[in-house]
């Protein structure tokens, strides 16, 4: 039984990540025969998780392999993204589309757990209440800009606003009261997984994702697995020391950290805008002005790019990645600072380590961490689809269809498939 459920989860994961796939493609990916794929898709279709269609525009002799498509509108998760100055909630469908979203501001006013939970819960309940009838929430995931204890969503340390040991996941779960625990992850860790799974790092087993908000976070994948460290707090690349002698002070208590030299404050101060507006729009304005020829903005971006390049060179020497992906605020900074970053890498990274390290922009702009949060929400469903979606069909109890499937009747003979309303078998 466990092997069958694992196979169901594997098939569902393929169509969730890659989109519609033919039975033939699924058989090749999973290394099984088409009869096995036929049985697995029948079970997932009976649970309502996928549907099978004839491929569009097919002509010629023979019956084409049916295409298996995720039921994106019917099954969805709630995803939340907690950044320093904004809160985002979304309903994300199976397969990854953002079906609906809501956003509100967040002031930089210190420890605000109750406020954050209250606002996210209100946004989440609105998304649930406006979901179409007959659709199902299968999980909840959240991204937070801090160090998260694995397992329970405790924010151990959120330096920008002083969060220490705040029970974010548990409190949000109680406020939502949806019957699902809230899975919480560090924003940059989730961003790395999102880019690897369906973004700029797809197909790259060893990658580094750098996320800029007010500070800088990192997610590192080695062999396709997130590098978490002993307690799950690894990859804090923003606190890698790059300027030890006359570096800017960092919120962690040190000086000259990568975050201190390349974060929002460093850029705005260097551009002479430290007393003005803050946030993503302010950073983007400096970058746009630099690209348009403003000398002060150009010097600021070049200086930040220099330190960013030193940090990336260190990471390339340490991890020999296939890709370094810039997300969040750093996505904007890299657009203007690419020459400085490249020059530092050429000077300080070993040639054999850097030769295959592609420098890339995040594929999802500002939604990378939100998409990563959604994947946390989908994880239980993908691990065991039938736990959350027991088989039902045409009003019959799930157990009846389960017996028919595992007796080998459903999907084996054309008369039975026609009686259940399914399509005729196709290769």
Protein backbone atom coordinates (compact mmCIF):
# COMPACT_ATOMS: atom_id res chain seq x y z
CA UNK A 1 0.00 0.00 0.00
CA UNK A 2 2.81 2.42 0.89
CA UNK A 3 4.53 1.74 -2.44
CA UNK A 4 1.33 2.47 -4.35
CA UNK A 5 0.73 5.71 -2.46
CA UNK A 6 4.32 6.78 -3.04
CA UNK A 7 3.85 6.21 -6.75
CA UNK A 8 0.63 8.22 -6.73
CA UNK A 9 2.46 11.07 -5.03
CA UNK A 10 5.31 10.88 -7.53
CA UNK A 11 2.96 11.07 -10.50
CA UNK A 12 1.01 13.95 -8.96
CA UNK A 13 4.28 15.76 -8.23
CA UNK A 14 5.30 15.51 -11.90
CA UNK A 15 2.12 17.09 -13.20
CA UNK A 16 2.12 19.63 -10.35
CA UNK A 17 5.62 20.85 -11.22
CA UNK A 18 5.75 20.33 -14.98
CA UNK A 19 2.14 20.90 -15.97
CA UNK A 20 0.14 18.66 -18.31
CA UNK A 21 2.07 15.53 -19.32
CA UNK A 22 1.13 12.64 -21.55
CA UNK A 23 0.84 9.16 -20.13
CA UNK A 24 3.83 8.20 -22.27
CA UNK A 25 5.96 11.01 -20.80
CA UNK A 26 4.94 10.05 -17.27
CA UNK A 27 5.81 6.41 -17.90
CA UNK A 28 9.26 7.45 -19.12
CA UNK A 29 9.88 9.79 -16.19
CA UNK A 30 8.80 7.28 -13.58
CA UNK A 31 10.39 4.26 -15.26
CA UNK A 32 7.21 2.19 -15.30
CA UNK A 33 5.01 0.73 -18.02
CA UNK A 34 1.92 2.41 -19.42
CA UNK A 35 -0.43 -0.02 -17.72
CA UNK A 36 0.91 1.13 -14.37
CA UNK A 37 0.45 4.77 -15.38
CA UNK A 38 -3.11 3.96 -16.48
CA UNK A 39 -3.93 2.60 -13.02
CA UNK A 40 -2.29 5.47 -11.16
CA UNK A 41 -3.98 8.17 -13.22
CA UNK A 42 -7.31 6.39 -12.79
CA UNK A 43 -6.97 6.61 -9.01
CA UNK A 44 -5.91 10.25 -9.04
CA UNK A 45 -8.71 11.11 -11.46
CA UNK A 46 -11.24 9.32 -9.25
CA UNK A 47 -10.02 11.43 -6.32
CA UNK A 48 -10.55 14.52 -8.48
CA UNK A 49 -6.89 15.56 -8.41
CA UNK A 50 -6.21 15.24 -12.13
CA UNK A 51 -8.13 14.91 -15.36
CA UNK A 52 -7.20 13.26 -18.63
CA UNK A 53 -7.69 14.90 -22.01
CA UNK A 54 -6.87 14.26 -25.60
CA UNK A 55 -3.93 16.48 -26.63
CA UNK A 56 -4.93 19.55 -28.61
CA UNK A 57 -4.39 19.53 -32.35
CA UNK A 58 -3.67 15.82 -32.72
CA UNK A 59 -4.16 14.32 -36.14
CA UNK A 60 -3.11 11.20 -37.98
CA UNK A 61 -3.50 7.51 -37.47
CA UNK A 62 -3.60 5.85 -34.08
CA UNK A 63 -4.80 7.02 -30.72
CA UNK A 64 -2.55 9.61 -29.07
CA UNK A 65 -1.48 9.21 -25.46
CA UNK A 66 -3.89 11.04 -23.18
CA UNK A 67 -2.60 14.11 -21.36
CA UNK A 68 -2.80 14.21 -17.56
CA UNK A 69 -3.57 17.67 -16.20
CA UNK A 70 -3.72 18.86 -12.54
CA UNK A 71 -7.07 20.12 -11.28
CA UNK A 72 -5.71 23.56 -10.48
CA UNK A 73 -9.04 25.25 -9.79
CA UNK A 74 -10.38 22.50 -7.57
CA UNK A 75 -7.51 21.97 -5.12
CA UNK A 76 -5.46 24.80 -3.70
CA UNK A 77 -3.40 25.97 -0.75
CA UNK A 78 -3.18 29.21 1.16
CA UNK A 79 0.29 30.75 0.88
CA UNK A 80 1.57 33.66 2.96
CA UNK A 81 4.68 35.77 2.57
CA UNK A 82 5.83 37.92 5.50
CA UNK A 83 8.37 40.52 4.41
CA UNK A 84 9.71 43.43 6.44
CA UNK A 85 7.27 45.98 5.03
CA UNK A 86 4.48 43.97 3.42
CA UNK A 87 2.21 40.97 4.05
CA UNK A 88 0.94 38.89 1.13
CA UNK A 89 -1.63 36.09 1.00
CA UNK A 90 -2.61 34.02 -2.01
CA UNK A 91 -4.72 31.09 -3.07
CA UNK A 92 -2.42 28.93 -5.19
CA UNK A 93 -3.80 26.08 -7.26
CA UNK A 94 -2.40 22.60 -7.76
CA UNK A 95 0.13 23.02 -10.54
CA UNK A 96 1.27 26.41 -9.27
CA UNK A 97 -1.04 29.11 -10.66
CA UNK A 98 -1.85 32.02 -8.34
CA UNK A 99 -5.65 32.01 -8.39
CA UNK A 100 -6.22 35.02 -6.12
CA UNK A 101 -4.11 37.25 -3.92
CA UNK A 102 -4.30 40.03 -1.36
CA UNK A 103 -1.63 42.29 0.10
CA UNK A 104 -1.27 44.87 2.84
CA UNK A 105 1.53 46.99 4.25
CA UNK A 106 3.53 46.29 7.37
CA UNK A 107 5.19 49.05 9.34
CA UNK A 108 8.74 48.64 10.63
CA UNK A 109 7.64 49.03 14.23
CA UNK A 110 9.30 46.21 16.15
CA UNK A 111 7.84 42.95 17.44
CA UNK A 112 4.36 42.73 15.92
CA UNK A 113 3.34 39.07 16.09
CA UNK A 114 -0.28 39.75 17.04
CA UNK A 115 -0.70 42.34 14.29
CA UNK A 116 0.89 40.14 11.63
CA UNK A 117 -1.20 37.11 12.61
CA UNK A 118 -4.42 39.14 12.72
CA UNK A 119 -3.88 40.69 9.30
CA UNK A 120 -2.79 37.46 7.64
CA UNK A 121 -5.74 35.58 9.13
CA UNK A 122 -8.17 38.19 7.80
CA UNK A 123 -6.60 38.03 4.34
CA UNK A 124 -6.63 34.24 4.44
CA UNK A 125 -10.26 33.99 5.50
CA UNK A 126 -11.27 36.39 2.72
CA UNK A 127 -9.51 34.17 0.17
CA UNK A 128 -11.20 31.07 1.59
CA UNK A 129 -14.64 32.73 1.63
CA UNK A 130 -14.33 33.85 -1.99
CA UNK A 131 -13.10 30.49 -3.28
CA UNK A 132 -15.52 28.86 -5.73
CA UNK A 133 -17.95 26.30 -4.28
CA UNK A 134 -16.78 22.71 -4.49
CA UNK A 135 -13.09 23.58 -4.21
CA UNK A 136 -10.82 22.43 -1.40
CA UNK A 137 -7.97 23.89 0.62
CA UNK A 138 -5.39 21.12 1.08
CA UNK A 139 -2.72 22.96 3.08
CA UNK A 140 -1.22 26.20 4.35
CA UNK A 141 2.36 27.42 3.93
CA UNK A 142 4.12 30.61 5.01
CA UNK A 143 7.42 32.29 4.24
CA UNK A 144 9.00 34.46 6.94
CA UNK A 145 11.99 36.81 6.79
CA UNK A 146 13.90 35.23 9.65
CA UNK A 147 15.38 32.05 11.09
CA UNK A 148 12.68 29.39 11.48
CA UNK A 149 12.82 26.35 13.74
CA UNK A 150 12.02 23.30 11.62
CA UNK A 151 8.83 21.50 12.52
CA UNK A 152 6.77 24.04 14.43
CA UNK A 153 7.12 27.40 12.66
CA UNK A 154 8.79 29.15 15.59
CA UNK A 155 10.64 32.29 14.52
CA UNK A 156 13.86 31.95 16.50
CA UNK A 157 15.32 35.21 15.23
CA UNK A 158 14.01 37.93 12.94
CA UNK A 159 16.68 40.65 13.11
CA UNK A 160 14.99 43.43 11.18
CA UNK A 161 12.10 43.81 13.65
CA UNK A 162 13.54 42.07 16.69
CA UNK A 163 11.47 38.89 16.67
CA UNK A 164 12.95 36.29 19.04
CA UNK A 165 11.21 32.95 19.74
CA UNK A 166 7.82 34.02 18.39
CA UNK A 167 5.32 31.16 17.82
CA UNK A 168 4.27 32.43 14.41
CA UNK A 169 3.16 29.15 12.81
CA UNK A 170 1.10 27.98 15.78
CA UNK A 171 -0.58 31.34 16.29
CA UNK A 172 -1.46 31.76 12.62
CA UNK A 173 -2.86 28.22 12.52
CA UNK A 174 -5.14 28.97 15.48
CA UNK A 175 -6.31 32.25 13.98
CA UNK A 176 -7.12 30.67 10.61
CA UNK A 177 -8.83 27.61 12.15
CA UNK A 178 -8.87 25.69 8.86
CA UNK A 179 -7.90 22.29 10.23
CA UNK A 180 -4.46 22.48 8.63
CA UNK A 181 -1.19 23.22 10.43
CA UNK A 182 0.75 26.17 9.04
CA UNK A 183 4.10 25.04 7.64
CA UNK A 184 6.64 27.88 7.90
CA UNK A 185 10.01 28.29 6.20
CA UNK A 186 12.75 30.87 5.85
CA UNK A 187 12.06 33.09 2.83
CA UNK A 188 15.40 32.53 1.08
CA UNK A 189 15.33 28.77 1.68
CA UNK A 190 11.87 28.61 0.14
CA UNK A 191 12.96 30.88 -2.70
CA UNK A 192 15.80 28.52 -3.53
CA UNK A 193 13.44 25.55 -3.64
CA UNK A 194 10.91 27.43 -5.78
CA UNK A 195 13.55 28.47 -8.33
CA UNK A 196 14.95 24.94 -8.42
CA UNK A 197 11.57 23.32 -8.84
CA UNK A 198 9.96 25.54 -11.45
CA UNK A 199 12.03 28.70 -11.97
CA UNK A 200 15.43 29.98 -13.07
CA UNK A 201 17.18 27.02 -11.43
CA UNK A 202 15.05 24.25 -12.95
CA UNK A 203 17.28 21.33 -13.80
CA UNK A 204 20.22 22.71 -11.75
CA UNK A 205 21.05 20.43 -8.82
CA UNK A 206 23.59 22.76 -7.20
CA UNK A 207 22.49 26.37 -6.93
CA UNK A 208 22.61 29.43 -4.72
CA UNK A 209 19.65 31.76 -4.34
CA UNK A 210 20.28 35.23 -2.90
CA UNK A 211 17.24 37.11 -1.68
CA UNK A 212 17.23 40.81 -0.89
CA UNK A 213 14.54 42.40 1.26
CA UNK A 214 15.83 44.95 3.73
CA UNK A 215 18.67 42.54 4.43
CA UNK A 216 20.07 39.62 2.44
CA UNK A 217 19.21 35.95 2.84
CA UNK A 218 20.41 32.84 1.08
CA UNK A 219 19.32 29.37 0.12
CA UNK A 220 21.83 26.78 -1.07
CA UNK A 221 20.97 23.51 -2.78
CA UNK A 222 23.54 20.73 -2.97
CA UNK A 223 22.57 17.76 -5.10
CA UNK A 224 19.02 19.10 -5.23
CA UNK A 225 18.72 19.16 -1.42
CA UNK A 226 18.52 22.26 0.73
CA UNK A 227 21.57 22.79 2.91
CA UNK A 228 19.96 23.34 6.29
CA UNK A 229 22.78 22.80 8.76
CA UNK A 230 22.72 21.07 12.14
CA UNK A 231 19.55 22.81 13.40
CA UNK A 232 18.01 24.12 10.18
CA UNK A 233 19.48 27.61 10.40
CA UNK A 234 22.11 27.27 7.68
CA UNK A 235 22.76 29.45 4.63
CA UNK A 236 22.72 32.78 6.47
CA UNK A 237 24.91 34.19 3.73
CA UNK A 238 23.83 37.74 4.56
CA UNK A 239 26.05 37.50 7.63
CA UNK A 240 29.11 36.32 5.76
CA UNK A 241 31.93 38.74 6.55
CA UNK A 242 33.13 40.66 3.47
CA UNK A 243 34.50 43.94 4.92
CA UNK A 244 36.01 43.28 8.37
CA UNK A 245 38.08 46.45 8.88
CA UNK A 246 35.85 49.43 8.10
CA UNK A 247 32.55 47.74 7.38
CA UNK A 248 29.11 49.11 8.11
CA UNK A 249 27.42 47.96 11.35
CA UNK A 250 25.02 45.03 10.97
CA UNK A 251 21.90 44.25 12.98
CA UNK A 252 23.44 40.93 14.00
CA UNK A 253 26.00 42.87 16.08
CA UNK A 254 28.93 42.43 13.72
CA UNK A 255 30.31 44.80 11.09
CA UNK A 256 30.99 44.38 7.40
CA UNK A 257 28.50 41.56 6.77
CA UNK A 258 27.35 41.04 3.20
CA UNK A 259 23.90 42.26 4.27
CA UNK A 260 25.32 45.44 5.80
CA UNK A 261 27.31 46.25 2.64
CA UNK A 262 24.68 45.35 0.03
CA UNK A 263 21.29 45.75 1.73
CA UNK A 264 18.70 48.47 1.35
CA UNK A 265 20.31 50.92 3.78
CA UNK A 266 23.74 50.61 2.17
CA UNK A 267 22.34 51.41 -1.27
CA UNK A 268 20.12 54.30 -0.17
CA UNK A 269 22.84 55.84 2.01
CA UNK A 270 25.41 55.64 -0.78
CA UNK A 271 22.95 57.31 -3.16
CA UNK A 272 22.35 60.16 -0.69
CA UNK A 273 18.77 59.02 -0.07
CA UNK A 274 19.10 57.57 3.42
CA UNK A 275 16.63 60.05 4.90
CA UNK A 276 14.01 59.48 2.22
CA UNK A 277 11.55 56.69 1.38
CA UNK A 278 12.50 53.08 2.01
CA UNK A 279 11.38 49.74 0.63
CA UNK A 280 11.42 48.03 -2.73
CA UNK A 281 10.17 51.09 -4.61
CA UNK A 282 13.00 53.23 -3.23
CA UNK A 283 15.62 50.64 -4.19
CA UNK A 284 14.13 50.31 -7.66
CA UNK A 285 14.22 54.10 -8.09
CA UNK A 286 17.98 54.17 -7.39
CA UNK A 287 18.58 51.33 -9.85
CA UNK A 288 16.44 52.96 -12.55
CA UNK A 289 18.23 56.28 -12.06
CA UNK A 290 21.61 54.55 -12.28
CA UNK A 291 20.66 52.91 -15.56
CA UNK A 292 19.40 56.28 -16.82
CA UNK A 293 22.78 57.91 -16.14
CA UNK A 294 22.41 59.55 -12.72
CA UNK A 295 25.99 59.69 -11.44
CA UNK A 296 25.24 59.46 -7.69
CA UNK A 297 22.91 56.52 -8.20
CA UNK A 298 25.41 54.84 -10.53
CA UNK A 299 28.21 55.15 -7.95
CA UNK A 300 25.95 53.73 -5.25
CA UNK A 301 24.96 50.74 -7.35
CA UNK A 302 28.56 50.12 -8.39
CA UNK A 303 29.73 50.17 -4.77
CA UNK A 304 27.04 47.75 -3.66
CA UNK A 305 27.76 45.58 -6.70
CA UNK A 306 31.42 45.41 -5.74
CA UNK A 307 30.64 43.95 -2.30
CA UNK A 308 27.97 41.69 -3.77
CA UNK A 309 30.51 40.33 -6.25
CA UNK A 310 32.97 39.58 -3.44
CA UNK A 311 30.28 37.68 -1.57
CA UNK A 312 29.26 35.71 -4.67
CA UNK A 313 32.91 34.90 -5.44
CA UNK A 314 33.29 33.44 -1.94
CA UNK A 315 30.16 31.35 -2.40
CA UNK A 316 31.31 30.08 -5.80
CA UNK A 317 34.66 29.01 -4.33
CA UNK A 318 32.90 27.21 -1.49
CA UNK A 319 30.07 25.48 -3.34
CA UNK A 320 30.88 25.37 -7.08
CA UNK A 321 27.23 26.02 -8.03
CA UNK A 322 25.68 25.62 -11.45
CA UNK A 323 23.68 28.82 -10.96
CA UNK A 324 23.56 31.87 -8.73
CA UNK A 325 20.09 33.42 -8.76
CA UNK A 326 19.31 36.95 -7.61
CA UNK A 327 15.85 37.53 -6.16
CA UNK A 328 13.89 40.14 -4.25
CA UNK A 329 15.64 43.50 -4.03
CA UNK A 330 18.85 41.94 -5.38
CA UNK A 331 17.06 41.14 -8.61
CA UNK A 332 16.78 44.88 -9.22
CA UNK A 333 20.30 45.66 -7.97
CA UNK A 334 21.88 43.03 -10.22
CA UNK A 335 20.27 44.57 -13.31
CA UNK A 336 22.53 47.60 -12.87
CA UNK A 337 25.45 46.04 -10.95
CA UNK A 338 26.13 43.04 -13.20
CA UNK A 339 29.48 44.41 -14.48
CA UNK A 340 30.84 44.90 -10.95
CA UNK A 341 29.61 41.48 -9.82
CA UNK A 342 31.15 39.80 -12.86
CA UNK A 343 34.46 41.63 -12.41
CA UNK A 344 34.80 40.55 -8.79
CA UNK A 345 33.97 36.95 -9.67
CA UNK A 346 36.57 36.99 -12.45
CA UNK A 347 39.18 38.32 -10.01
CA UNK A 348 38.41 36.32 -6.88
CA UNK A 349 36.67 33.06 -7.87
CA UNK A 350 38.78 30.15 -9.06
CA UNK A 351 38.34 29.55 -12.81
CA UNK A 352 37.44 25.88 -12.43
CA UNK A 353 34.77 26.76 -9.84
CA UNK A 354 33.21 29.64 -11.75
CA UNK A 355 33.24 28.26 -15.29
CA UNK A 356 29.72 26.77 -15.05
CA UNK A 357 28.21 29.17 -12.52
CA UNK A 358 25.52 30.99 -14.48
CA UNK A 359 24.32 34.30 -13.00
CA UNK A 360 20.54 34.56 -13.34
CA UNK A 361 17.59 36.68 -12.31
CA UNK A 362 14.73 35.10 -10.39
CA UNK A 363 12.00 33.83 -12.70
CA UNK A 364 9.19 35.03 -10.44
CA UNK A 365 10.15 38.64 -9.67
CA UNK A 366 8.49 39.46 -6.33
CA UNK A 367 6.61 36.15 -5.99
CA UNK A 368 9.50 33.72 -5.50
CA UNK A 369 9.10 33.35 -1.75
CA UNK A 370 5.30 33.23 -2.01
CA UNK A 371 5.57 30.34 -4.49
CA UNK A 372 7.99 28.61 -2.14
CA UNK A 373 5.47 28.98 0.68
CA UNK A 374 2.80 27.39 -1.51
CA UNK A 375 5.03 24.36 -2.07
CA UNK A 376 5.22 23.91 1.71
CA UNK A 377 1.44 23.81 1.76
CA UNK A 378 1.26 21.22 -1.01
CA UNK A 379 3.88 18.92 0.55
CA UNK A 380 1.45 16.68 2.54
CA UNK A 381 -0.81 16.19 -0.47
CA UNK A 382 2.10 15.30 -2.75
CA UNK A 383 3.51 12.90 -0.17
CA UNK A 384 0.24 10.95 0.08
CA UNK A 385 -2.58 12.16 -2.20
CA UNK A 386 -5.20 9.78 -0.87
CA UNK A 387 -4.88 10.86 2.77
CA UNK A 388 -6.31 14.30 2.00
CA UNK A 389 -8.36 13.29 -1.03
CA UNK A 390 -10.01 9.90 -0.43
CA UNK A 391 -11.46 8.28 -3.51
CA UNK A 392 -15.06 9.15 -4.29
CA UNK A 393 -17.01 8.81 -7.47
CA UNK A 394 -20.61 9.48 -8.51
CA UNK A 395 -21.87 9.37 -4.93
CA UNK A 396 -20.36 5.99 -4.09
CA UNK A 397 -18.42 5.71 -0.80
CA UNK A 398 -14.68 5.96 -1.24
CA UNK A 399 -14.19 2.47 0.12
CA UNK A 400 -16.28 0.90 -2.63
CA UNK A 401 -14.18 2.41 -5.39
CA UNK A 402 -11.01 1.58 -3.46
CA UNK A 403 -12.00 -2.08 -3.44
CA UNK A 404 -12.81 -2.01 -7.17
CA UNK A 405 -9.49 -0.36 -8.01
CA UNK A 406 -7.38 -2.72 -5.98
CA UNK A 407 -9.34 -5.74 -7.18
CA UNK A 408 -8.12 -4.74 -10.63
CA UNK A 409 -11.59 -4.06 -12.03
CA UNK A 410 -11.46 -0.29 -12.50
CA UNK A 411 -9.51 0.63 -15.62
CA UNK A 412 -8.83 -2.96 -16.71
CA UNK A 413 -11.75 -3.68 -19.02
CA UNK A 414 -13.55 -1.34 -21.38
CA UNK A 415 -17.12 -2.23 -20.22
CA UNK A 416 -16.32 -1.38 -16.59
CA UNK A 417 -14.65 1.90 -17.57
CA UNK A 418 -17.67 2.86 -19.67
CA UNK A 419 -20.00 1.97 -16.79
CA UNK A 420 -18.04 4.30 -14.50
CA UNK A 421 -18.13 7.03 -17.11
CA UNK A 422 -14.40 7.01 -17.89
CA UNK A 423 -12.81 7.26 -21.33
CA UNK A 424 -11.86 4.25 -23.32
CA UNK A 425 -8.30 3.09 -22.75
CA UNK A 426 -5.67 4.73 -24.94
CA UNK A 427 -2.02 4.06 -25.42
